[in-house]
Amino acid sequence: MYDVIRSFGVDYILFDLIFLILFITLLVKFKKKIPLIAFFVGGLLINFLVDWGIWFHTGIREISLPFSFTGSVFLFFLWFSLS
């Protein structure tokens, strides 16, 4: 078995969040419905539900965050899945 370790810096996450907000805003502004649907269906329904809903809750995926508040793991996986 292999352990795969990923470390994300805070600046990487912030810049990625800015990019995602800009990307979604442009898709909405230019009324790109099919890419928006694919973005949310692929990111939320498929990737997020499998990653957080199955792998994390069954113990296949483990995560340690440098911060802890209610819903922090949920928000991390939401960002990770959409990114």
PDB file of N, CA and C in Angstrom:
ATOM      1  N   MET A   1       0.837  -1.173   0.000  1.00  0.00           N
ATOM      2  CA  MET A   1       0.000   0.000   0.000  1.00  0.00           C
ATOM      3  C   MET A   1       0.886   1.241   0.000  1.00  0.00           C
ATOM      4  N   TYR A   2       0.457   2.266  -0.704  1.00  0.00           N
ATOM      5  CA  TYR A   2       1.196   3.510  -0.803  1.00  0.00           C
ATOM      6  C   TYR A   2       0.431   4.629  -0.110  1.00  0.00           C
ATOM      7  N   ASP A   3       1.161   5.504   0.557  1.00  0.00           N
ATOM      8  CA  ASP A   3       0.573   6.709   1.124  1.00  0.00           C
ATOM      9  C   ASP A   3       0.899   7.867   0.198  1.00  0.00           C
ATOM     10  N   VAL A   4      -0.119   8.530  -0.283  1.00  0.00           N
ATOM     11  CA  VAL A   4       0.065   9.696  -1.137  1.00  0.00           C
ATOM     12  C   VAL A   4      -0.242  10.921  -0.289  1.00  0.00           C
ATOM     13  N   ILE A   5       0.732  11.782  -0.156  1.00  0.00           N
ATOM     14  CA  ILE A   5       0.582  12.957   0.699  1.00  0.00           C
ATOM     15  C   ILE A   5       0.619  14.196  -0.182  1.00  0.00           C
ATOM     16  N   ARG A   6      -0.377  15.039   0.000  1.00  0.00           N
ATOM     17  CA  ARG A   6      -0.434  16.315  -0.722  1.00  0.00           C
ATOM     18  C   ARG A   6      -0.485  17.430   0.298  1.00  0.00           C
ATOM     19  N   SER A   7       0.278  18.465   0.049  1.00  0.00           N
ATOM     20  CA  SER A   7       0.250  19.655   0.904  1.00  0.00           C
ATOM     21  C   SER A   7      -0.111  20.847   0.048  1.00  0.00           C
ATOM     22  N   PHE A   8      -1.127  21.572   0.469  1.00  0.00           N
ATOM     23  CA  PHE A   8      -1.560  22.763  -0.249  1.00  0.00           C
ATOM     24  C   PHE A   8      -1.289  23.977   0.623  1.00  0.00           C
ATOM     25  N   GLY A   9      -0.572  24.950   0.076  1.00  0.00           N
ATOM     26  CA  GLY A   9      -0.346  26.193   0.791  1.00  0.00           C
ATOM     27  C   GLY A   9      -1.591  27.055   0.760  1.00  0.00           C
ATOM     28  N   VAL A  10      -1.692  27.926   1.730  1.00  0.00           N
ATOM     29  CA  VAL A  10      -2.863  28.805   1.814  1.00  0.00           C
ATOM     30  C   VAL A  10      -2.941  29.714   0.596  1.00  0.00           C
ATOM     31  N   ASP A  11      -1.804  30.200   0.111  1.00  0.00           N
ATOM     32  CA  ASP A  11      -1.825  31.073  -1.065  1.00  0.00           C
ATOM     33  C   ASP A  11      -2.344  30.336  -2.292  1.00  0.00           C
ATOM     34  N   TYR A  12      -1.999  29.069  -2.438  1.00  0.00           N
ATOM     35  CA  TYR A  12      -2.503  28.265  -3.553  1.00  0.00           C
ATOM     36  C   TYR A  12      -4.019  28.151  -3.481  1.00  0.00           C
ATOM     37  N   ILE A  13      -4.537  27.877  -2.301  1.00  0.00           N
ATOM     38  CA  ILE A  13      -5.980  27.725  -2.128  1.00  0.00           C
ATOM     39  C   ILE A  13      -6.691  29.047  -2.410  1.00  0.00           C
ATOM     40  N   LEU A  14      -6.156  30.158  -1.921  1.00  0.00           N
ATOM     41  CA  LEU A  14      -6.792  31.459  -2.149  1.00  0.00           C
ATOM     42  C   LEU A  14      -6.804  31.833  -3.632  1.00  0.00           C
ATOM     43  N   PHE A  15      -5.677  31.653  -4.301  1.00  0.00           N
ATOM     44  CA  PHE A  15      -5.633  31.959  -5.734  1.00  0.00           C
ATOM     45  C   PHE A  15      -6.567  31.039  -6.523  1.00  0.00           C
ATOM     46  N   ASP A  16      -6.653  29.800  -6.124  1.00  0.00           N
ATOM     47  CA  ASP A  16      -7.547  28.875  -6.796  1.00  0.00           C
ATOM     48  C   ASP A  16      -9.009  29.263  -6.566  1.00  0.00           C
ATOM     49  N   LEU A  17      -9.346  29.685  -5.356  1.00  0.00           N
ATOM     50  CA  LEU A  17     -10.710  30.150  -5.079  1.00  0.00           C
ATOM     51  C   LEU A  17     -11.060  31.375  -5.918  1.00  0.00           C
ATOM     52  N   ILE A  18     -10.106  32.297  -6.055  1.00  0.00           N
ATOM     53  CA  ILE A  18     -10.324  33.480  -6.898  1.00  0.00           C
ATOM     54  C   ILE A  18     -10.566  33.057  -8.345  1.00  0.00           C
ATOM     55  N   PHE A  19      -9.749  32.123  -8.836  1.00  0.00           N
ATOM     56  CA  PHE A  19      -9.923  31.632 -10.200  1.00  0.00           C
ATOM     57  C   PHE A  19     -11.289  30.966 -10.375  1.00  0.00           C
ATOM     58  N   LEU A  20     -11.695  30.136  -9.420  1.00  0.00           N
ATOM     59  CA  LEU A  20     -12.999  29.464  -9.519  1.00  0.00           C
ATOM     60  C   LEU A  20     -14.145  30.461  -9.529  1.00  0.00           C
ATOM     61  N   ILE A  21     -14.071  31.471  -8.667  1.00  0.00           N
ATOM     62  CA  ILE A  21     -15.121  32.495  -8.632  1.00  0.00           C
ATOM     63  C   ILE A  21     -15.175  33.239  -9.958  1.00  0.00           C
ATOM     64  N   LEU A  22     -14.016  33.599 -10.492  1.00  0.00           N
ATOM     65  CA  LEU A  22     -13.954  34.286 -11.784  1.00  0.00           C
ATOM     66  C   LEU A  22     -14.509  33.402 -12.897  1.00  0.00           C
ATOM     67  N   PHE A  23     -14.122  32.136 -12.891  1.00  0.00           N
ATOM     68  CA  PHE A  23     -14.576  31.191 -13.912  1.00  0.00           C
ATOM     69  C   PHE A  23     -16.097  31.021 -13.880  1.00  0.00           C
ATOM     70  N   ILE A  24     -16.657  30.805 -12.690  1.00  0.00           N
ATOM     71  CA  ILE A  24     -18.102  30.642 -12.560  1.00  0.00           C
ATOM     72  C   ILE A  24     -18.828  31.922 -12.945  1.00  0.00           C
ATOM     73  N   THR A  25     -18.284  33.063 -12.548  1.00  0.00           N
ATOM     74  CA  THR A  25     -18.888  34.352 -12.899  1.00  0.00           C
ATOM     75  C   THR A  25     -18.935  34.539 -14.411  1.00  0.00           C
ATOM     76  N   LEU A  26     -17.846  34.215 -15.093  1.00  0.00           N
ATOM     77  CA  LEU A  26     -17.829  34.351 -16.551  1.00  0.00           C
ATOM     78  C   LEU A  26     -18.805  33.379 -17.220  1.00  0.00           C
ATOM     79  N   LEU A  27     -18.910  32.165 -16.704  1.00  0.00           N
ATOM     80  CA  LEU A  27     -19.871  31.219 -17.274  1.00  0.00           C
ATOM     81  C   LEU A  27     -21.302  31.713 -17.105  1.00  0.00           C
ATOM     82  N   VAL A  28     -21.599  32.282 -15.965  1.00  0.00           N
ATOM     83  CA  VAL A  28     -22.947  32.820 -15.723  1.00  0.00           C
ATOM     84  C   VAL A  28     -23.193  34.050 -16.583  1.00  0.00           C
ATOM     85  N   LYS A  29     -22.198  34.957 -16.642  1.00  0.00           N
ATOM     86  CA  LYS A  29     -22.346  36.197 -17.402  1.00  0.00           C
ATOM     87  C   LYS A  29     -22.610  35.927 -18.886  1.00  0.00           C
ATOM     88  N   PHE A  30     -21.891  34.978 -19.452  1.00  0.00           N
ATOM     89  CA  PHE A  30     -22.041  34.679 -20.869  1.00  0.00           C
ATOM     90  C   PHE A  30     -23.050  33.555 -21.139  1.00  0.00           C
ATOM     91  N   LYS A  31     -23.807  33.201 -20.098  1.00  0.00           N
ATOM     92  CA  LYS A  31     -24.923  32.250 -20.193  1.00  0.00           C
ATOM     93  C   LYS A  31     -24.508  30.919 -20.818  1.00  0.00           C
ATOM     94  N   LYS A  32     -23.416  30.396 -20.331  1.00  0.00           N
ATOM     95  CA  LYS A  32     -22.926  29.091 -20.792  1.00  0.00           C
ATOM     96  C   LYS A  32     -23.535  28.011 -19.901  1.00  0.00           C
ATOM     97  N   LYS A  33     -24.730  27.575 -20.260  1.00  0.00           N
ATOM     98  CA  LYS A  33     -25.484  26.666 -19.400  1.00  0.00           C
ATOM     99  C   LYS A  33     -24.903  25.257 -19.365  1.00  0.00           C
ATOM    100  N   ILE A  34     -24.534  24.718 -20.511  1.00  0.00           N
ATOM    101  CA  ILE A  34     -24.029  23.345 -20.543  1.00  0.00           C
ATOM    102  C   ILE A  34     -22.696  23.223 -19.797  1.00  0.00           C
ATOM    103  N   PRO A  35     -21.720  24.134 -19.994  1.00  0.00           N
ATOM    104  CA  PRO A  35     -20.501  24.035 -19.183  1.00  0.00           C
ATOM    105  C   PRO A  35     -20.761  24.213 -17.681  1.00  0.00           C
ATOM    106  N   LEU A  36     -21.711  25.082 -17.325  1.00  0.00           N
ATOM    107  CA  LEU A  36     -22.054  25.251 -15.912  1.00  0.00           C
ATOM    108  C   LEU A  36     -22.647  23.975 -15.322  1.00  0.00           C
ATOM    109  N   ILE A  37     -23.532  23.365 -16.073  1.00  0.00           N
ATOM    110  CA  ILE A  37     -24.148  22.121 -15.615  1.00  0.00           C
ATOM    111  C   ILE A  37     -23.074  21.033 -15.478  1.00  0.00           C
ATOM    112  N   ALA A  38     -22.203  20.923 -16.470  1.00  0.00           N
ATOM    113  CA  ALA A  38     -21.137  19.923 -16.417  1.00  0.00           C
ATOM    114  C   ALA A  38     -20.185  20.196 -15.254  1.00  0.00           C
ATOM    115  N   PHE A  39     -19.897  21.468 -15.005  1.00  0.00           N
ATOM    116  CA  PHE A  39     -19.016  21.863 -13.908  1.00  0.00           C
ATOM    117  C   PHE A  39     -19.591  21.415 -12.567  1.00  0.00           C
ATOM    118  N   PHE A  40     -20.875  21.684 -12.349  1.00  0.00           N
ATOM    119  CA  PHE A  40     -21.476  21.336 -11.066  1.00  0.00           C
ATOM    120  C   PHE A  40     -21.834  19.855 -10.961  1.00  0.00           C
ATOM    121  N   VAL A  41     -22.293  19.260 -12.036  1.00  0.00           N
ATOM    122  CA  VAL A  41     -22.622  17.830 -11.983  1.00  0.00           C
ATOM    123  C   VAL A  41     -21.340  17.017 -11.791  1.00  0.00           C
ATOM    124  N   GLY A  42     -20.318  17.329 -12.568  1.00  0.00           N
ATOM    125  CA  GLY A  42     -19.060  16.600 -12.448  1.00  0.00           C
ATOM    126  C   GLY A  42     -18.363  16.865 -11.127  1.00  0.00           C
ATOM    127  N   GLY A  43     -18.360  18.121 -10.707  1.00  0.00           N
ATOM    128  CA  GLY A  43     -17.665  18.478  -9.473  1.00  0.00           C
ATOM    129  C   GLY A  43     -18.412  18.078  -8.224  1.00  0.00           C
ATOM    130  N   LEU A  44     -19.700  18.358  -8.201  1.00  0.00           N
ATOM    131  CA  LEU A  44     -20.473  18.107  -6.985  1.00  0.00           C
ATOM    132  C   LEU A  44     -21.059  16.711  -6.924  1.00  0.00           C
ATOM    133  N   LEU A  45     -21.813  16.357  -7.925  1.00  0.00           N
ATOM    134  CA  LEU A  45     -22.529  15.098  -7.852  1.00  0.00           C
ATOM    135  C   LEU A  45     -21.621  13.885  -7.973  1.00  0.00           C
ATOM    136  N   ILE A  46     -20.626  13.987  -8.807  1.00  0.00           N
ATOM    137  CA  ILE A  46     -19.774  12.813  -9.023  1.00  0.00           C
ATOM    138  C   ILE A  46     -18.545  12.858  -8.113  1.00  0.00           C
ATOM    139  N   ASN A  47     -17.698  13.834  -8.317  1.00  0.00           N
ATOM    140  CA  ASN A  47     -16.431  13.880  -7.599  1.00  0.00           C
ATOM    141  C   ASN A  47     -16.612  14.087  -6.100  1.00  0.00           C
ATOM    142  N   PHE A  48     -17.425  15.061  -5.696  1.00  0.00           N
ATOM    143  CA  PHE A  48     -17.607  15.352  -4.281  1.00  0.00           C
ATOM    144  C   PHE A  48     -18.270  14.201  -3.542  1.00  0.00           C
ATOM    145  N   LEU A  49     -19.329  13.651  -4.108  1.00  0.00           N
ATOM    146  CA  LEU A  49     -20.016  12.563  -3.428  1.00  0.00           C
ATOM    147  C   LEU A  49     -19.142  11.327  -3.280  1.00  0.00           C
ATOM    148  N   VAL A  50     -18.329  11.042  -4.280  1.00  0.00           N
ATOM    149  CA  VAL A  50     -17.432   9.890  -4.175  1.00  0.00           C
ATOM    150  C   VAL A  50     -16.295  10.187  -3.203  1.00  0.00           C
ATOM    151  N   ASP A  51     -15.655  11.345  -3.363  1.00  0.00           N
ATOM    152  CA  ASP A  51     -14.488  11.680  -2.546  1.00  0.00           C
ATOM    153  C   ASP A  51     -14.851  11.862  -1.077  1.00  0.00           C
ATOM    154  N   TRP A  52     -15.803  12.715  -0.793  1.00  0.00           N
ATOM    155  CA  TRP A  52     -16.182  12.989   0.590  1.00  0.00           C
ATOM    156  C   TRP A  52     -17.194  11.978   1.116  1.00  0.00           C
ATOM    157  N   GLY A  53     -18.198  11.689   0.307  1.00  0.00           N
ATOM    158  CA  GLY A  53     -19.282  10.846   0.761  1.00  0.00           C
ATOM    159  C   GLY A  53     -18.906   9.391   0.948  1.00  0.00           C
ATOM    160  N   ILE A  54     -18.032   8.886   0.097  1.00  0.00           N
ATOM    161  CA  ILE A  54     -17.695   7.460   0.193  1.00  0.00           C
ATOM    162  C   ILE A  54     -16.289   7.275   0.758  1.00  0.00           C
ATOM    163  N   TRP A  55     -15.283   7.815   0.068  1.00  0.00           N
ATOM    164  CA  TRP A  55     -13.900   7.546   0.460  1.00  0.00           C
ATOM    165  C   TRP A  55     -13.576   8.092   1.843  1.00  0.00           C
ATOM    166  N   PHE A  56     -13.997   9.317   2.149  1.00  0.00           N
ATOM    167  CA  PHE A  56     -13.662   9.903   3.448  1.00  0.00           C
ATOM    168  C   PHE A  56     -14.409   9.200   4.575  1.00  0.00           C
ATOM    169  N   HIS A  57     -15.691   8.916   4.372  1.00  0.00           N
ATOM    170  CA  HIS A  57     -16.484   8.324   5.441  1.00  0.00           C
ATOM    171  C   HIS A  57     -16.199   6.840   5.656  1.00  0.00           C
ATOM    172  N   THR A  58     -15.628   6.174   4.686  1.00  0.00           N
ATOM    173  CA  THR A  58     -15.258   4.768   4.884  1.00  0.00           C
ATOM    174  C   THR A  58     -13.822   4.628   5.389  1.00  0.00           C
ATOM    175  N   GLY A  59     -13.089   5.726   5.461  1.00  0.00           N
ATOM    176  CA  GLY A  59     -11.729   5.689   5.974  1.00  0.00           C
ATOM    177  C   GLY A  59     -10.664   5.462   4.929  1.00  0.00           C
ATOM    178  N   ILE A  60     -11.051   5.362   3.667  1.00  0.00           N
ATOM    179  CA  ILE A  60     -10.060   5.190   2.604  1.00  0.00           C
ATOM    180  C   ILE A  60      -9.211   6.447   2.469  1.00  0.00           C
ATOM    181  N   ARG A  61      -9.851   7.608   2.579  1.00  0.00           N
ATOM    182  CA  ARG A  61      -9.132   8.886   2.481  1.00  0.00           C
ATOM    183  C   ARG A  61      -9.077   9.528   3.863  1.00  0.00           C
ATOM    184  N   GLU A  62      -7.884   9.953   4.241  1.00  0.00           N
ATOM    185  CA  GLU A  62      -7.691  10.648   5.506  1.00  0.00           C
ATOM    186  C   GLU A  62      -7.238  12.068   5.210  1.00  0.00           C
ATOM    187  N   ILE A  63      -7.587  12.981   6.092  1.00  0.00           N
ATOM    188  CA  ILE A  63      -7.227  14.371   5.875  1.00  0.00           C
ATOM    189  C   ILE A  63      -6.866  15.008   7.210  1.00  0.00           C
ATOM    190  N   SER A  64      -5.859  15.860   7.176  1.00  0.00           N
ATOM    191  CA  SER A  64      -5.526  16.662   8.354  1.00  0.00           C
ATOM    192  C   SER A  64      -5.402  18.111   7.881  1.00  0.00           C
ATOM    193  N   LEU A  65      -6.142  18.975   8.533  1.00  0.00           N
ATOM    194  CA  LEU A  65      -6.169  20.383   8.177  1.00  0.00           C
ATOM    195  C   LEU A  65      -5.468  21.202   9.253  1.00  0.00           C
ATOM    196  N   PRO A  66      -4.834  22.323   8.871  1.00  0.00           N
ATOM    197  CA  PRO A  66      -4.163  23.158   9.871  1.00  0.00           C
ATOM    198  C   PRO A  66      -5.147  23.996  10.690  1.00  0.00           C
ATOM    199  N   PHE A  67      -6.433  23.870  10.400  1.00  0.00           N
ATOM    200  CA  PHE A  67      -7.459  24.618  11.119  1.00  0.00           C
ATOM    201  C   PHE A  67      -8.615  23.667  11.387  1.00  0.00           C
ATOM    202  N   SER A  68      -9.412  24.008  12.368  1.00  0.00           N
ATOM    203  CA  SER A  68     -10.527  23.141  12.694  1.00  0.00           C
ATOM    204  C   SER A  68     -11.718  23.980  13.139  1.00  0.00           C
ATOM    205  N   PHE A  69     -12.793  23.876  12.405  1.00  0.00           N
ATOM    206  CA  PHE A  69     -14.066  24.483  12.771  1.00  0.00           C
ATOM    207  C   PHE A  69     -15.162  23.613  12.194  1.00  0.00           C
ATOM    208  N   THR A  70     -16.367  23.837  12.628  1.00  0.00           N
ATOM    209  CA  THR A  70     -17.479  23.018  12.169  1.00  0.00           C
ATOM    210  C   THR A  70     -17.616  23.125  10.661  1.00  0.00           C
ATOM    211  N   GLY A  71     -17.548  22.006   9.996  1.00  0.00           N
ATOM    212  CA  GLY A  71     -17.702  21.967   8.550  1.00  0.00           C
ATOM    213  C   GLY A  71     -16.425  22.200   7.767  1.00  0.00           C
ATOM    214  N   SER A  72     -15.269  22.272   8.426  1.00  0.00           N
ATOM    215  CA  SER A  72     -14.029  22.562   7.705  1.00  0.00           C
ATOM    216  C   SER A  72     -13.652  21.445   6.730  1.00  0.00           C
ATOM    217  N   VAL A  73     -13.854  20.201   7.122  1.00  0.00           N
ATOM    218  CA  VAL A  73     -13.536  19.078   6.221  1.00  0.00           C
ATOM    219  C   VAL A  73     -14.503  19.086   5.039  1.00  0.00           C
ATOM    220  N   PHE A  74     -15.776  19.349   5.303  1.00  0.00           N
ATOM    221  CA  PHE A  74     -16.779  19.441   4.243  1.00  0.00           C
ATOM    222  C   PHE A  74     -16.413  20.531   3.250  1.00  0.00           C
ATOM    223  N   LEU A  75     -16.052  21.726   3.736  1.00  0.00           N
ATOM    224  CA  LEU A  75     -15.681  22.834   2.847  1.00  0.00           C
ATOM    225  C   LEU A  75     -14.400  22.531   2.074  1.00  0.00           C
ATOM    226  N   PHE A  76     -13.449  21.870   2.722  1.00  0.00           N
ATOM    227  CA  PHE A  76     -12.228  21.510   2.011  1.00  0.00           C
ATOM    228  C   PHE A  76     -12.537  20.576   0.848  1.00  0.00           C
ATOM    229  N   PHE A  77     -13.329  19.547   1.100  1.00  0.00           N
ATOM    230  CA  PHE A  77     -13.656  18.607   0.028  1.00  0.00           C
ATOM    231  C   PHE A  77     -14.505  19.263  -1.055  1.00  0.00           C
ATOM    232  N   LEU A  78     -15.339  20.223  -0.683  1.00  0.00           N
ATOM    233  CA  LEU A  78     -16.124  20.956  -1.682  1.00  0.00           C
ATOM    234  C   LEU A  78     -15.192  21.724  -2.612  1.00  0.00           C
ATOM    235  N   TRP A  79     -14.241  22.447  -2.025  1.00  0.00           N
ATOM    236  CA  TRP A  79     -13.262  23.174  -2.843  1.00  0.00           C
ATOM    237  C   TRP A  79     -12.428  22.203  -3.684  1.00  0.00           C
ATOM    238  N   PHE A  80     -11.941  21.153  -3.050  1.00  0.00           N
ATOM    239  CA  PHE A  80     -11.074  20.190  -3.717  1.00  0.00           C
ATOM    240  C   PHE A  80     -11.790  19.535  -4.903  1.00  0.00           C
ATOM    241  N   SER A  81     -13.062  19.255  -4.741  1.00  0.00           N
ATOM    242  CA  SER A  81     -13.822  18.612  -5.817  1.00  0.00           C
ATOM    243  C   SER A  81     -14.106  19.558  -6.976  1.00  0.00           C
ATOM    244  N   LEU A  82     -14.407  20.797  -6.676  1.00  0.00           N
ATOM    245  CA  LEU A  82     -14.690  21.762  -7.741  1.00  0.00           C
ATOM    246  C   LEU A  82     -13.422  22.228  -8.434  1.00  0.00           C
ATOM    247  N   SER A  83     -12.322  22.203  -7.718  1.00  0.00           N
ATOM    248  CA  SER A  83     -11.076  22.663  -8.301  1.00  0.00           C
ATOM    249  C   SER A  83     -10.511  21.603  -9.223  1.00  0.00           C
TER     250      SER A  83
END
